Amino acid sequence: MKSKSLEKIERRMAQLEPGSLRYQALSSARDFKASWIGLGQILYTVYKDKFYKEWGYVTFEAYCKAEVGIRQQTASKLLHSYYFLERNEPEFLRAVHDEKAGVEPRGIPGMEAVNVLRLAAKNKELTQDDYRAFKKSVFEEGKEAGDVKKQVGLRLRSLREEGDPEKVRAQRRQQTLRRLLGTLKSLQKEAVHGHLVSERTAKELEKLCSSLDRELAEALDTRH
């Protein structure tokens, strides 16, 4: 069974001249799951040359929502991800469009994964070697966006730790003390109010909470 959005697109396509840019945009939207790059290329042309205004839409976002059936966030990712490939990976795009090269749909990375790669390329903390490693994950290993994002996050954390290990250690200490104190206070309240421990143990728990309170205060003071 076709979705309502797909039926809407095909009804509109039936009213247009096959081969026209407007028809191609809708055709690419229909085939979006198989080839987001095709839709990104068409939408980039529509956006850059403002063809949507000729078709009666005030904004590009309104055109995408009403006619192509995609949200503003998705349209934005499509534009940025496609333009990123055009600017940074032109050889891959040529291979995608070259029938002789024959890049299969399964060999095309997901839009979200390319978007993560695009954002990583803009991050000034990361090096060209880092980018090449992420690029390999996206284009050669076919990793999903979540996996690539985790890979980028781990690399950034590693770089920050290398840059200032004492600061990272101090932050971890503060976080650990907060969690430990919060957990202990919660258990202390439950144990004392429920009369689950002896009076001596209750006093020891209170002393331990006070000790952790002081240690956390000292840890926080080291930030200044």
C-alpha atoms as a PDB file:
ATOM      1  CA  MET A   1       0.000   0.000   0.000  1.00  0.00           C
ATOM      2  CA  LYS A   2       1.339   3.412  -0.953  1.00  0.00           C
ATOM      3  CA  SER A   3       1.558   6.179   1.611  1.00  0.00           C
ATOM      4  CA  LYS A   4      -0.628   9.252   1.231  1.00  0.00           C
ATOM      5  CA  SER A   5       2.421  11.444   0.635  1.00  0.00           C
ATOM      6  CA  LEU A   6       3.595   9.151  -2.171  1.00  0.00           C
ATOM      7  CA  GLU A   7       0.152   9.132  -3.776  1.00  0.00           C
ATOM      8  CA  LYS A   8       0.080  12.935  -3.591  1.00  0.00           C
ATOM      9  CA  ILE A   9       3.467  13.194  -5.315  1.00  0.00           C
ATOM     10  CA  GLU A  10       2.467  10.806  -8.099  1.00  0.00           C
ATOM     11  CA  ARG A  11      -0.831  12.651  -8.695  1.00  0.00           C
ATOM     12  CA  ARG A  12       1.080  15.903  -9.082  1.00  0.00           C
ATOM     13  CA  MET A  13       3.626  14.243 -11.375  1.00  0.00           C
ATOM     14  CA  ALA A  14       0.800  13.099 -13.633  1.00  0.00           C
ATOM     15  CA  GLN A  15      -0.113  16.765 -14.187  1.00  0.00           C
ATOM     16  CA  LEU A  16       3.397  17.817 -15.204  1.00  0.00           C
ATOM     17  CA  GLU A  17       5.516  17.411 -18.302  1.00  0.00           C
ATOM     18  CA  PRO A  18       7.887  14.452 -17.922  1.00  0.00           C
ATOM     19  CA  GLY A  19      11.488  15.583 -18.033  1.00  0.00           C
ATOM     20  CA  SER A  20      10.796  19.080 -16.735  1.00  0.00           C
ATOM     21  CA  LEU A  21      12.786  20.225 -13.706  1.00  0.00           C
ATOM     22  CA  ARG A  22       9.633  20.306 -11.586  1.00  0.00           C
ATOM     23  CA  TYR A  23       8.792  16.745 -12.631  1.00  0.00           C
ATOM     24  CA  GLN A  24      12.367  15.603 -11.903  1.00  0.00           C
ATOM     25  CA  ALA A  25      12.215  17.079  -8.409  1.00  0.00           C
ATOM     26  CA  LEU A  26       9.088  15.084  -7.636  1.00  0.00           C
ATOM     27  CA  SER A  27      10.515  11.968  -9.273  1.00  0.00           C
ATOM     28  CA  SER A  28      13.616  12.233  -7.109  1.00  0.00           C
ATOM     29  CA  ALA A  29      11.452  12.755  -4.019  1.00  0.00           C
ATOM     30  CA  ARG A  30       9.589   9.554  -4.860  1.00  0.00           C
ATOM     31  CA  ASP A  31      12.875   7.693  -5.131  1.00  0.00           C
ATOM     32  CA  PHE A  32      14.353   9.437  -2.091  1.00  0.00           C
ATOM     33  CA  LYS A  33      15.105   6.316  -0.068  1.00  0.00           C
ATOM     34  CA  ALA A  34      17.046   4.783  -2.926  1.00  0.00           C
ATOM     35  CA  SER A  35      18.901   7.943  -3.957  1.00  0.00           C
ATOM     36  CA  TRP A  36      18.840  11.000  -1.689  1.00  0.00           C
ATOM     37  CA  ILE A  37      21.737  12.427  -3.713  1.00  0.00           C
ATOM     38  CA  GLY A  38      19.514  12.810  -6.775  1.00  0.00           C
ATOM     39  CA  LEU A  39      16.922  14.703  -4.776  1.00  0.00           C
ATOM     40  CA  GLY A  40      19.627  16.819  -3.133  1.00  0.00           C
ATOM     41  CA  GLN A  41      21.012  17.805  -6.524  1.00  0.00           C
ATOM     42  CA  ILE A  42      17.611  18.798  -7.893  1.00  0.00           C
ATOM     43  CA  LEU A  43      16.599  20.689  -4.753  1.00  0.00           C
ATOM     44  CA  TYR A  44      19.919  22.517  -4.733  1.00  0.00           C
ATOM     45  CA  THR A  45      19.180  23.758  -8.263  1.00  0.00           C
ATOM     46  CA  VAL A  46      15.629  24.728  -7.282  1.00  0.00           C
ATOM     47  CA  TYR A  47      16.929  26.581  -4.215  1.00  0.00           C
ATOM     48  CA  LYS A  48      19.925  28.271  -5.869  1.00  0.00           C
ATOM     49  CA  ASP A  49      17.989  29.593  -8.871  1.00  0.00           C
ATOM     50  CA  LYS A  50      14.742  30.195  -6.915  1.00  0.00           C
ATOM     51  CA  PHE A  51      12.593  28.155  -9.315  1.00  0.00           C
ATOM     52  CA  TYR A  52      10.076  27.635  -6.505  1.00  0.00           C
ATOM     53  CA  LYS A  53       8.967  31.248  -6.915  1.00  0.00           C
ATOM     54  CA  GLU A  54       8.044  30.583 -10.545  1.00  0.00           C
ATOM     55  CA  TRP A  55       5.879  27.720  -9.270  1.00  0.00           C
ATOM     56  CA  GLY A  56       3.903  29.937  -6.908  1.00  0.00           C
ATOM     57  CA  TYR A  57       5.749  29.462  -3.622  1.00  0.00           C
ATOM     58  CA  VAL A  58       7.024  32.359  -1.545  1.00  0.00           C
ATOM     59  CA  THR A  59       9.749  30.347   0.192  1.00  0.00           C
ATOM     60  CA  PHE A  60      11.794  27.249  -0.563  1.00  0.00           C
ATOM     61  CA  GLU A  61      10.612  25.721   2.722  1.00  0.00           C
ATOM     62  CA  ALA A  62       6.968  26.171   1.722  1.00  0.00           C
ATOM     63  CA  TYR A  63       7.659  24.469  -1.627  1.00  0.00           C
ATOM     64  CA  CYS A  64       9.372  21.505   0.039  1.00  0.00           C
ATOM     65  CA  LYS A  65       6.591  21.032   2.571  1.00  0.00           C
ATOM     66  CA  ALA A  66       3.613  21.486   0.247  1.00  0.00           C
ATOM     67  CA  GLU A  67       4.854  19.916  -2.972  1.00  0.00           C
ATOM     68  CA  VAL A  68       7.771  17.585  -2.262  1.00  0.00           C
ATOM     69  CA  GLY A  69       6.454  16.531   1.130  1.00  0.00           C
ATOM     70  CA  ILE A  70       9.588  16.923   3.268  1.00  0.00           C
ATOM     71  CA  ARG A  71      10.152  18.953   6.411  1.00  0.00           C
ATOM     72  CA  GLN A  72      12.337  22.040   6.595  1.00  0.00           C
ATOM     73  CA  GLN A  73      14.961  20.198   8.664  1.00  0.00           C
ATOM     74  CA  THR A  74      15.192  17.389   6.109  1.00  0.00           C
ATOM     75  CA  ALA A  75      15.351  19.847   3.205  1.00  0.00           C
ATOM     76  CA  SER A  76      18.161  21.732   4.939  1.00  0.00           C
ATOM     77  CA  LYS A  77      20.171  18.545   5.504  1.00  0.00           C
ATOM     78  CA  LEU A  78      19.652  17.543   1.880  1.00  0.00           C
ATOM     79  CA  LEU A  79      20.942  20.878   0.592  1.00  0.00           C
ATOM     80  CA  HIS A  80      23.926  21.027   2.925  1.00  0.00           C
ATOM     81  CA  SER A  81      24.880  17.371   2.509  1.00  0.00           C
ATOM     82  CA  TYR A  82      24.651  17.473  -1.277  1.00  0.00           C
ATOM     83  CA  TYR A  83      26.610  20.747  -1.513  1.00  0.00           C
ATOM     84  CA  PHE A  84      29.217  19.261   0.828  1.00  0.00           C
ATOM     85  CA  LEU A  85      29.700  16.320  -1.544  1.00  0.00           C
ATOM     86  CA  GLU A  86      29.832  18.639  -4.549  1.00  0.00           C
ATOM     87  CA  ARG A  87      32.515  20.765  -2.956  1.00  0.00           C
ATOM     88  CA  ASN A  88      34.544  18.147  -1.042  1.00  0.00           C
ATOM     89  CA  GLU A  89      33.921  14.818  -2.793  1.00  0.00           C
ATOM     90  CA  PRO A  90      33.353  15.659  -6.495  1.00  0.00           C
ATOM     91  CA  GLU A  91      34.930  12.396  -7.667  1.00  0.00           C
ATOM     92  CA  PHE A  92      32.391  10.368  -5.708  1.00  0.00           C
ATOM     93  CA  LEU A  93      29.538  12.392  -7.200  1.00  0.00           C
ATOM     94  CA  ARG A  94      30.902  11.862 -10.702  1.00  0.00           C
ATOM     95  CA  ALA A  95      30.994   8.128 -10.054  1.00  0.00           C
ATOM     96  CA  VAL A  96      27.392   8.206  -8.813  1.00  0.00           C
ATOM     97  CA  HIS A  97      26.200   9.977 -11.966  1.00  0.00           C
ATOM     98  CA  ASP A  98      28.404   7.985 -14.348  1.00  0.00           C
ATOM     99  CA  GLU A  99      26.433   4.984 -15.596  1.00  0.00           C
ATOM    100  CA  LYS A 100      29.682   3.211 -16.541  1.00  0.00           C
ATOM    101  CA  ALA A 101      31.022   3.563 -12.996  1.00  0.00           C
ATOM    102  CA  GLY A 102      27.798   2.044 -11.768  1.00  0.00           C
ATOM    103  CA  VAL A 103      27.681   3.020  -8.086  1.00  0.00           C
ATOM    104  CA  GLU A 104      24.889   0.885  -6.648  1.00  0.00           C
ATOM    105  CA  PRO A 105      22.338   2.402  -4.227  1.00  0.00           C
ATOM    106  CA  ARG A 106      23.777   0.244  -1.442  1.00  0.00           C
ATOM    107  CA  GLY A 107      27.129   1.931  -2.065  1.00  0.00           C
ATOM    108  CA  ILE A 108      25.697   5.393  -1.448  1.00  0.00           C
ATOM    109  CA  PRO A 109      26.165   6.556   2.156  1.00  0.00           C
ATOM    110  CA  GLY A 110      23.135   7.739   4.091  1.00  0.00           C
ATOM    111  CA  MET A 111      22.302  11.424   4.148  1.00  0.00           C
ATOM    112  CA  GLU A 112      22.580  11.595   7.953  1.00  0.00           C
ATOM    113  CA  ALA A 113      26.039   9.991   7.886  1.00  0.00           C
ATOM    114  CA  VAL A 114      27.228  12.494   5.258  1.00  0.00           C
ATOM    115  CA  ASN A 115      25.780  15.300   7.362  1.00  0.00           C
ATOM    116  CA  VAL A 116      27.829  14.106  10.371  1.00  0.00           C
ATOM    117  CA  LEU A 117      30.924  14.038   8.128  1.00  0.00           C
ATOM    118  CA  ARG A 118      30.128  17.561   6.931  1.00  0.00           C
ATOM    119  CA  LEU A 119      29.923  18.866  10.501  1.00  0.00           C
ATOM    120  CA  ALA A 120      33.160  17.078  11.405  1.00  0.00           C
ATOM    121  CA  ALA A 121      34.907  18.753   8.460  1.00  0.00           C
ATOM    122  CA  LYS A 122      33.935  22.151   9.886  1.00  0.00           C
ATOM    123  CA  ASN A 123      35.264  21.358  13.371  1.00  0.00           C
ATOM    124  CA  LYS A 124      38.588  23.165  13.836  1.00  0.00           C
ATOM    125  CA  GLU A 125      39.677  20.761  16.584  1.00  0.00           C
ATOM    126  CA  LEU A 126      39.875  17.901  14.092  1.00  0.00           C
ATOM    127  CA  THR A 127      42.723  17.303  11.635  1.00  0.00           C
ATOM    128  CA  GLN A 128      42.790  16.154   8.021  1.00  0.00           C
ATOM    129  CA  ASP A 129      43.816  12.710   9.234  1.00  0.00           C
ATOM    130  CA  ASP A 130      40.743  12.646  11.466  1.00  0.00           C
ATOM    131  CA  TYR A 131      38.564  13.603   8.503  1.00  0.00           C
ATOM    132  CA  ARG A 132      40.067  10.851   6.362  1.00  0.00           C
ATOM    133  CA  ALA A 133      39.300   8.304   9.076  1.00  0.00           C
ATOM    134  CA  PHE A 134      35.662   9.460   9.315  1.00  0.00           C
ATOM    135  CA  LYS A 135      35.395   9.546   5.524  1.00  0.00           C
ATOM    136  CA  LYS A 136      36.534   5.926   5.358  1.00  0.00           C
ATOM    137  CA  SER A 137      33.872   4.979   7.903  1.00  0.00           C
ATOM    138  CA  VAL A 138      31.160   6.668   5.824  1.00  0.00           C
ATOM    139  CA  PHE A 139      32.155   5.810   2.246  1.00  0.00           C
ATOM    140  CA  GLU A 140      34.041   2.528   2.549  1.00  0.00           C
ATOM    141  CA  GLU A 141      32.636   0.905   5.667  1.00  0.00           C
ATOM    142  CA  GLY A 142      29.087   2.202   5.243  1.00  0.00           C
ATOM    143  CA  LYS A 143      28.648   3.096   8.910  1.00  0.00           C
ATOM    144  CA  GLU A 144      25.393   4.643  10.088  1.00  0.00           C
ATOM    145  CA  ALA A 145      25.212   8.237  11.293  1.00  0.00           C
ATOM    146  CA  GLY A 146      25.010   7.233  14.963  1.00  0.00           C
ATOM    147  CA  ASP A 147      28.205   5.190  14.735  1.00  0.00           C
ATOM    148  CA  VAL A 148      30.089   7.956  12.945  1.00  0.00           C
ATOM    149  CA  LYS A 149      28.839  10.542  15.425  1.00  0.00           C
ATOM    150  CA  LYS A 150      30.089   8.359  18.288  1.00  0.00           C
ATOM    151  CA  GLN A 151      33.449   7.991  16.523  1.00  0.00           C
ATOM    152  CA  VAL A 152      33.743  11.774  16.170  1.00  0.00           C
ATOM    153  CA  GLY A 153      32.762  12.289  19.810  1.00  0.00           C
ATOM    154  CA  LEU A 154      35.387   9.832  21.067  1.00  0.00           C
ATOM    155  CA  ARG A 155      38.071  11.516  18.986  1.00  0.00           C
ATOM    156  CA  LEU A 156      37.144  14.970  20.289  1.00  0.00           C
ATOM    157  CA  ARG A 157      37.171  13.713  23.868  1.00  0.00           C
ATOM    158  CA  SER A 158      40.592  12.162  23.311  1.00  0.00           C
ATOM    159  CA  LEU A 159      41.972  15.409  21.888  1.00  0.00           C
ATOM    160  CA  ARG A 160      40.630  17.434  24.799  1.00  0.00           C
ATOM    161  CA  GLU A 161      42.123  15.037  27.320  1.00  0.00           C
ATOM    162  CA  GLU A 162      45.469  15.239  25.566  1.00  0.00           C
ATOM    163  CA  GLY A 163      45.244  19.023  25.625  1.00  0.00           C
ATOM    164  CA  ASP A 164      44.533  19.462  29.351  1.00  0.00           C
ATOM    165  CA  PRO A 165      44.445  16.193  31.321  1.00  0.00           C
ATOM    166  CA  GLU A 166      44.353  17.957  34.708  1.00  0.00           C
ATOM    167  CA  LYS A 167      41.242  19.883  33.774  1.00  0.00           C
ATOM    168  CA  VAL A 168      39.526  16.720  32.534  1.00  0.00           C
ATOM    169  CA  ARG A 169      40.470  14.888  35.753  1.00  0.00           C
ATOM    170  CA  ALA A 170      39.101  17.758  37.865  1.00  0.00           C
ATOM    171  CA  GLN A 171      35.803  17.695  35.955  1.00  0.00           C
ATOM    172  CA  ARG A 172      35.497  13.940  36.370  1.00  0.00           C
ATOM    173  CA  ARG A 173      36.198  14.267  40.097  1.00  0.00           C
ATOM    174  CA  GLN A 174      33.456  16.846  40.512  1.00  0.00           C
ATOM    175  CA  GLN A 175      30.967  14.753  38.551  1.00  0.00           C
ATOM    176  CA  THR A 176      31.809  11.598  40.517  1.00  0.00           C
ATOM    177  CA  LEU A 177      31.517  13.365  43.877  1.00  0.00           C
ATOM    178  CA  ARG A 178      28.142  14.829  42.897  1.00  0.00           C
ATOM    179  CA  ARG A 179      26.785  11.423  41.882  1.00  0.00           C
ATOM    180  CA  LEU A 180      28.213   9.722  44.965  1.00  0.00           C
ATOM    181  CA  LEU A 181      26.822  12.362  47.326  1.00  0.00           C
ATOM    182  CA  GLY A 182      23.409  12.348  45.679  1.00  0.00           C
ATOM    183  CA  THR A 183      23.146   8.551  45.835  1.00  0.00           C
ATOM    184  CA  LEU A 184      24.351   8.411  49.448  1.00  0.00           C
ATOM    185  CA  LYS A 185      21.921  11.099  50.627  1.00  0.00           C
ATOM    186  CA  SER A 186      19.035   9.319  48.969  1.00  0.00           C
ATOM    187  CA  LEU A 187      19.942   5.989  50.588  1.00  0.00           C
ATOM    188  CA  GLN A 188      20.595   7.672  53.940  1.00  0.00           C
ATOM    189  CA  LYS A 189      17.143   9.247  53.906  1.00  0.00           C
ATOM    190  CA  GLU A 190      15.488   5.934  53.042  1.00  0.00           C
ATOM    191  CA  ALA A 191      17.461   3.986  55.664  1.00  0.00           C
ATOM    192  CA  VAL A 192      17.024   6.471  58.527  1.00  0.00           C
ATOM    193  CA  HIS A 193      13.363   7.348  57.951  1.00  0.00           C
ATOM    194  CA  GLY A 194      12.503   3.689  57.533  1.00  0.00           C
ATOM    195  CA  HIS A 195      14.463   2.733  60.663  1.00  0.00           C
ATOM    196  CA  LEU A 196      16.434   0.237  58.607  1.00  0.00           C
ATOM    197  CA  VAL A 197      19.821   0.865  60.244  1.00  0.00           C
ATOM    198  CA  SER A 198      21.044   1.321  63.791  1.00  0.00           C
ATOM    199  CA  GLU A 199      21.455   4.750  65.356  1.00  0.00           C
ATOM    200  CA  ARG A 200      25.243   4.347  65.243  1.00  0.00           C
ATOM    201  CA  THR A 201      25.196   3.567  61.518  1.00  0.00           C
ATOM    202  CA  ALA A 202      22.832   6.492  60.915  1.00  0.00           C
ATOM    203  CA  LYS A 203      25.359   8.827  62.569  1.00  0.00           C
ATOM    204  CA  GLU A 204      28.192   7.366  60.501  1.00  0.00           C
ATOM    205  CA  LEU A 205      26.178   7.943  57.320  1.00  0.00           C
ATOM    206  CA  GLU A 206      25.576  11.558  58.347  1.00  0.00           C
ATOM    207  CA  LYS A 207      29.308  12.051  58.949  1.00  0.00           C
ATOM    208  CA  LEU A 208      30.140  10.536  55.567  1.00  0.00           C
ATOM    209  CA  CYS A 209      27.650  12.836  53.820  1.00  0.00           C
ATOM    210  CA  SER A 210      29.181  15.841  55.552  1.00  0.00           C
ATOM    211  CA  SER A 211      32.668  14.690  54.559  1.00  0.00           C
ATOM    212  CA  LEU A 212      31.636  14.305  50.911  1.00  0.00           C
ATOM    213  CA  ASP A 213      29.932  17.726  51.039  1.00  0.00           C
ATOM    214  CA  ARG A 214      33.208  19.318  52.124  1.00  0.00           C
ATOM    215  CA  GLU A 215      35.243  17.435  49.535  1.00  0.00           C
ATOM    216  CA  LEU A 216      32.870  18.506  46.747  1.00  0.00           C
ATOM    217  CA  ALA A 217      33.060  22.126  47.917  1.00  0.00           C
ATOM    218  CA  GLU A 218      36.859  21.936  47.816  1.00  0.00           C
ATOM    219  CA  ALA A 219      36.762  20.382  44.324  1.00  0.00           C
ATOM    220  CA  LEU A 220      34.527  23.181  43.086  1.00  0.00           C
ATOM    221  CA  ASP A 221      36.782  25.823  44.622  1.00  0.00           C
ATOM    222  CA  THR A 222      39.699  24.562  42.520  1.00  0.00           C
ATOM    223  CA  ARG A 223      37.931  25.899  39.408  1.00  0.00           C
ATOM    224  CA  HIS A 224      38.564  29.492  40.485  1.00  0.00           C
END
